[in-house]
Protein backbone atom coordinates (compact mmCIF):
# COMPACT_ATOMS: atom_id res chain seq x y z
CA MET A 1 -35.78 -4.40 -53.33
CA LYS A 2 -34.50 -3.50 -50.00
CA LYS A 3 -31.27 -3.99 -48.91
CA GLY A 4 -30.41 -5.06 -45.57
CA PHE A 5 -28.31 -7.83 -43.17
CA THR A 6 -29.69 -11.48 -43.20
CA LEU A 7 -30.07 -12.89 -39.77
CA ALA A 8 -26.87 -15.25 -40.50
CA GLU A 9 -24.61 -12.03 -41.15
CA VAL A 10 -25.82 -10.13 -37.93
CA LEU A 11 -25.15 -13.28 -35.77
CA ILE A 12 -21.57 -13.54 -37.11
CA THR A 13 -20.96 -10.09 -36.55
CA LEU A 14 -22.24 -10.22 -32.76
CA VAL A 15 -20.25 -13.46 -32.29
CA ILE A 16 -17.01 -11.44 -33.65
CA ILE A 17 -17.84 -8.62 -31.28
CA GLY A 18 -18.21 -10.82 -28.65
CA VAL A 19 -14.80 -12.63 -29.05
CA ILE A 20 -13.07 -9.27 -29.17
CA ALA A 21 -14.80 -8.09 -26.06
CA ALA A 22 -13.87 -11.39 -24.13
CA MET A 23 -10.28 -10.82 -25.27
CA THR A 24 -9.64 -7.34 -24.66
CA ILE A 25 -12.22 -6.68 -21.35
CA PRO A 26 -10.03 -8.54 -18.97
CA THR A 27 -6.51 -6.73 -20.17
CA LEU A 28 -8.70 -3.68 -19.81
CA MET A 29 -9.94 -4.46 -16.24
CA ASN A 30 -6.38 -5.71 -15.11
CA SER A 31 -4.49 -2.59 -16.31
CA THR A 32 -7.06 -0.68 -14.35
CA ASN A 33 -6.47 -2.44 -11.10
CA ASN A 34 -2.91 -2.36 -11.55
CA GLN A 35 -2.99 1.54 -12.06
CA GLU A 36 -5.23 1.83 -9.38
CA PHE A 37 -2.57 -0.09 -7.01
CA ARG A 38 0.28 1.83 -7.84
CA VAL A 39 -2.02 5.38 -7.33
CA GLY A 40 -2.93 4.08 -4.08
CA LEU A 41 0.33 3.12 -2.86
CA LYS A 42 1.56 6.80 -3.83
CA LYS A 43 -1.32 8.20 -2.27
CA ALA A 44 -0.91 6.31 1.07
CA ILE A 45 2.80 7.08 1.49
CA SER A 46 1.79 10.96 1.01
CA THR A 47 -0.89 10.68 3.59
CA LEU A 48 1.45 9.29 6.16
CA ASN A 49 4.10 11.54 5.54
CA GLN A 50 1.82 14.37 5.62
CA ALA A 51 0.18 13.13 8.89
CA MET A 52 4.02 12.63 10.80
CA SER A 53 4.83 16.30 9.47
CA LEU A 54 2.00 17.92 10.41
CA ASN A 55 2.21 16.43 13.98
CA TYR A 56 5.98 17.26 14.23
CA ALA A 57 5.19 21.15 13.23
CA LEU A 58 2.18 21.15 15.86
CA GLU A 59 3.43 19.06 18.99
CA GLY A 60 7.33 18.61 18.10
CA THR A 61 7.03 14.88 18.45
CA GLN A 62 8.43 12.13 16.44
CA VAL A 63 7.98 8.26 16.36
CA GLY A 64 10.63 6.34 18.62
CA THR A 65 11.75 9.78 20.27
CA THR A 66 8.88 10.59 22.42
CA SER A 67 7.27 8.45 25.09
CA THR A 68 3.77 8.94 23.39
CA LEU A 69 5.44 7.45 19.98
CA THR A 70 7.06 4.10 20.94
CA SER A 71 4.55 1.67 20.91
CA ALA A 72 2.33 0.79 17.81
CA SER A 73 -1.17 1.45 19.48
CA ASP A 74 0.52 4.53 20.84
CA ILE A 75 1.39 5.73 17.35
CA VAL A 76 -2.09 4.89 15.95
CA ASN A 77 -4.18 7.03 18.77
CA ASN A 78 -1.47 9.75 19.53
CA LEU A 79 -0.39 10.60 15.92
CA PHE A 80 -2.35 8.87 13.18
CA LYS A 81 -5.59 9.28 14.33
CA LYS A 82 -5.21 12.89 15.27
CA ARG A 83 -4.00 13.75 11.78
CA MET A 84 -5.64 11.43 9.17
CA SER A 85 -9.16 10.50 8.58
CA VAL A 86 -9.49 7.55 10.46
CA ILE A 87 -12.90 5.95 10.76
CA THR A 88 -12.12 3.03 12.74
CA THR A 89 -9.55 0.85 14.35
CA GLN A 90 -9.35 -3.04 15.11
CA THR A 91 -9.90 -3.69 18.49
CA THR A 92 -9.96 -7.50 18.85
CA GLY A 93 -8.54 -10.40 17.24
CA THR A 94 -5.96 -10.88 14.61
CA ALA A 95 -6.58 -7.85 12.41
CA PHE A 96 -4.24 -8.33 9.58
CA ALA A 97 -3.86 -11.23 8.05
CA SER A 98 -2.44 -10.91 4.64
CA THR A 99 -1.72 -13.97 2.21
CA ASN A 100 2.03 -13.32 2.13
CA ALA A 101 2.17 -10.65 4.88
CA PRO A 102 5.51 -9.76 6.49
CA PHE A 103 3.61 -9.54 9.74
CA THR A 104 0.33 -9.16 11.42
CA ALA A 105 -1.52 -6.76 13.86
CA THR A 106 -3.92 -7.19 16.46
CA ASN A 107 -5.75 -4.59 18.66
CA ASP A 108 -5.34 -0.77 18.12
CA GLU A 109 -2.18 -1.64 15.96
CA LEU A 110 -4.49 -1.38 12.99
CA PHE A 111 -6.59 1.74 11.45
CA TYR A 112 -9.02 2.23 8.54
CA THR A 113 -9.18 5.88 7.07
CA ALA A 114 -12.39 7.36 5.16
CA ASP A 115 -10.46 6.40 1.57
CA GLY A 116 -11.12 2.71 2.30
CA MET A 117 -7.57 2.04 2.75
CA ARG A 118 -5.96 -0.09 6.10
CA PHE A 119 -2.90 0.33 7.91
CA ALA A 120 -0.99 -1.95 10.38
CA ILE A 121 1.62 -0.68 12.54
CA THR A 122 4.42 -2.82 14.24
CA THR A 123 7.19 -1.09 15.88
CA PHE A 124 10.80 -2.08 17.21
CA SER A 125 13.80 -0.77 19.13
CA GLY A 126 15.36 1.87 16.92
CA GLU A 127 17.66 0.65 14.23
CA TYR A 128 20.06 2.72 12.00
CA ASP A 129 20.07 3.17 8.41
CA PRO A 130 23.37 4.43 7.03
CA VAL A 131 22.04 5.51 3.82
CA ALA A 132 19.33 8.10 5.32
CA ASP A 133 21.80 8.96 8.37
CA GLN A 134 18.80 8.29 10.38
CA MET A 135 17.00 5.69 12.85
CA TYR A 136 14.00 4.07 11.91
CA TYR A 137 11.65 2.50 14.45
CA GLY A 138 8.51 0.07 12.86
CA LEU A 139 7.00 -0.83 10.04
CA VAL A 140 3.80 -0.22 8.20
CA LEU A 141 1.49 -2.53 6.26
CA ILE A 142 -0.58 -0.80 3.87
CA ASP A 143 -3.69 -2.15 1.81
CA VAL A 144 -4.36 0.14 -0.43
CA ASN A 145 -8.12 -1.09 -0.85
CA GLY A 146 -9.17 -2.25 2.70
CA ASP A 147 -10.53 -5.72 3.08
CA LYS A 148 -11.20 -6.20 -0.39
CA ALA A 149 -9.42 -8.97 -2.07
CA PRO A 150 -6.64 -9.84 -3.17
CA ASN A 151 -5.10 -8.81 0.26
CA THR A 152 -1.87 -9.98 -0.99
CA VAL A 153 1.56 -8.08 -0.73
CA CYS A 154 3.07 -6.89 -3.99
CA THR A 155 6.59 -8.49 -5.04
CA ASN A 156 6.60 -7.52 -8.48
CA ALA A 157 6.19 -3.99 -9.55
CA ASN A 158 4.95 -5.19 -13.20
CA ALA A 159 1.95 -6.88 -11.68
CA PRO A 160 0.75 -4.52 -8.72
CA THR A 161 -1.24 -6.11 -6.05
CA ASP A 162 -2.91 -4.27 -3.26
CA THR A 163 -0.74 -4.59 -0.26
CA TYR A 164 2.90 -3.14 0.64
CA VAL A 165 5.13 -2.83 3.34
CA ALA A 166 6.77 0.56 4.34
CA THR A 167 9.23 1.89 6.88
CA MET A 168 8.54 4.56 9.72
CA TYR A 169 11.46 6.52 10.68
CA GLY A 170 11.08 9.43 13.15
CA ASN A 171 9.22 12.16 11.01
CA ARG A 172 8.44 9.99 7.78
CA VAL A 173 7.41 6.89 6.09
CA VAL A 174 9.53 5.34 3.05
CA ALA A 175 8.09 2.34 0.74
CA GLY A 176 10.11 -1.02 1.74
CA ASN A 177 11.58 -2.67 4.53
CA MET A 178 14.48 -1.16 5.52
CA LYS A 179 15.33 -4.18 7.64
CA ASN A 180 15.45 -5.95 4.54
CA GLN A 181 15.85 -4.25 1.64
CA THR A 182 16.56 -7.01 -0.56
CA ASP A 183 13.45 -8.62 -0.38
CA ALA A 184 10.92 -8.80 -3.17
CA ALA A 185 8.34 -6.82 -1.31
CA SER A 186 10.81 -4.07 -0.64
CA ILE A 187 12.18 -3.73 -4.02
CA ALA A 188 8.53 -3.74 -5.63
CA ALA A 189 7.13 -1.06 -3.42
CA GLN A 190 10.25 1.27 -4.20
CA GLN A 191 10.08 0.82 -7.41
CA ILE A 192 6.40 1.48 -7.85
CA ILE A 193 7.05 4.65 -5.92
CA PHE A 194 9.86 6.00 -8.34
CA ASP A 195 8.00 4.35 -11.54
CA LYS A 196 10.65 2.06 -12.27
CA LYS A 197 10.15 -1.52 -13.91
CA SER A 198 11.05 -4.68 -12.29
CA SER A 199 14.65 -5.52 -12.54
CA ASN A 200 16.95 -8.01 -10.50
CA ARG A 201 18.86 -4.51 -9.22
CA THR A 202 18.16 -3.89 -5.47
CA THR A 203 16.70 -0.48 -4.90
CA THR A 204 17.59 1.45 -2.03
CA THR A 205 16.26 4.59 -0.39
CA PRO A 206 18.61 7.84 -1.23
């Protein structure tokens, strides 16, 4: 007499496997997306800083201190398009409307890079950061996966989303909005950069 499994036993086993998969796969997918968003922000900040450092090394120009790097479109055209792998810029209409974005960008204030990210630039007259002892001149809105959803600004470092705000100094970019360092988006962006958990404590840039 041959030993084997009955049809009922096979079906029960498949049902158990299906239930386990249904419970674990969403968690795994969410964890993967969270890590992708975290890594994306760190990569974006690093890439922007490399572009600004290279531009200063080659041309001696900095954001806000040079006539060609004062407006958002000038910064995109005369700095980032020259030093990054920019594949296209937005030329018409509202370019960057996030679910809870701190600002939107139009015309050449927004650009896409070859790795699928999109960046929007906004500028203002320089403001002094006493902690860094430097002036800062604008904000960068970073979407680490481009047009793909959720297109929501991250406000919780424990549950990262795809869009972040950063601040442009003359020669570097830092995570968070230095005009409002206590808002949730700024705190979350800095906590992700420094690999910290969410808390009620305000994070500042050293």
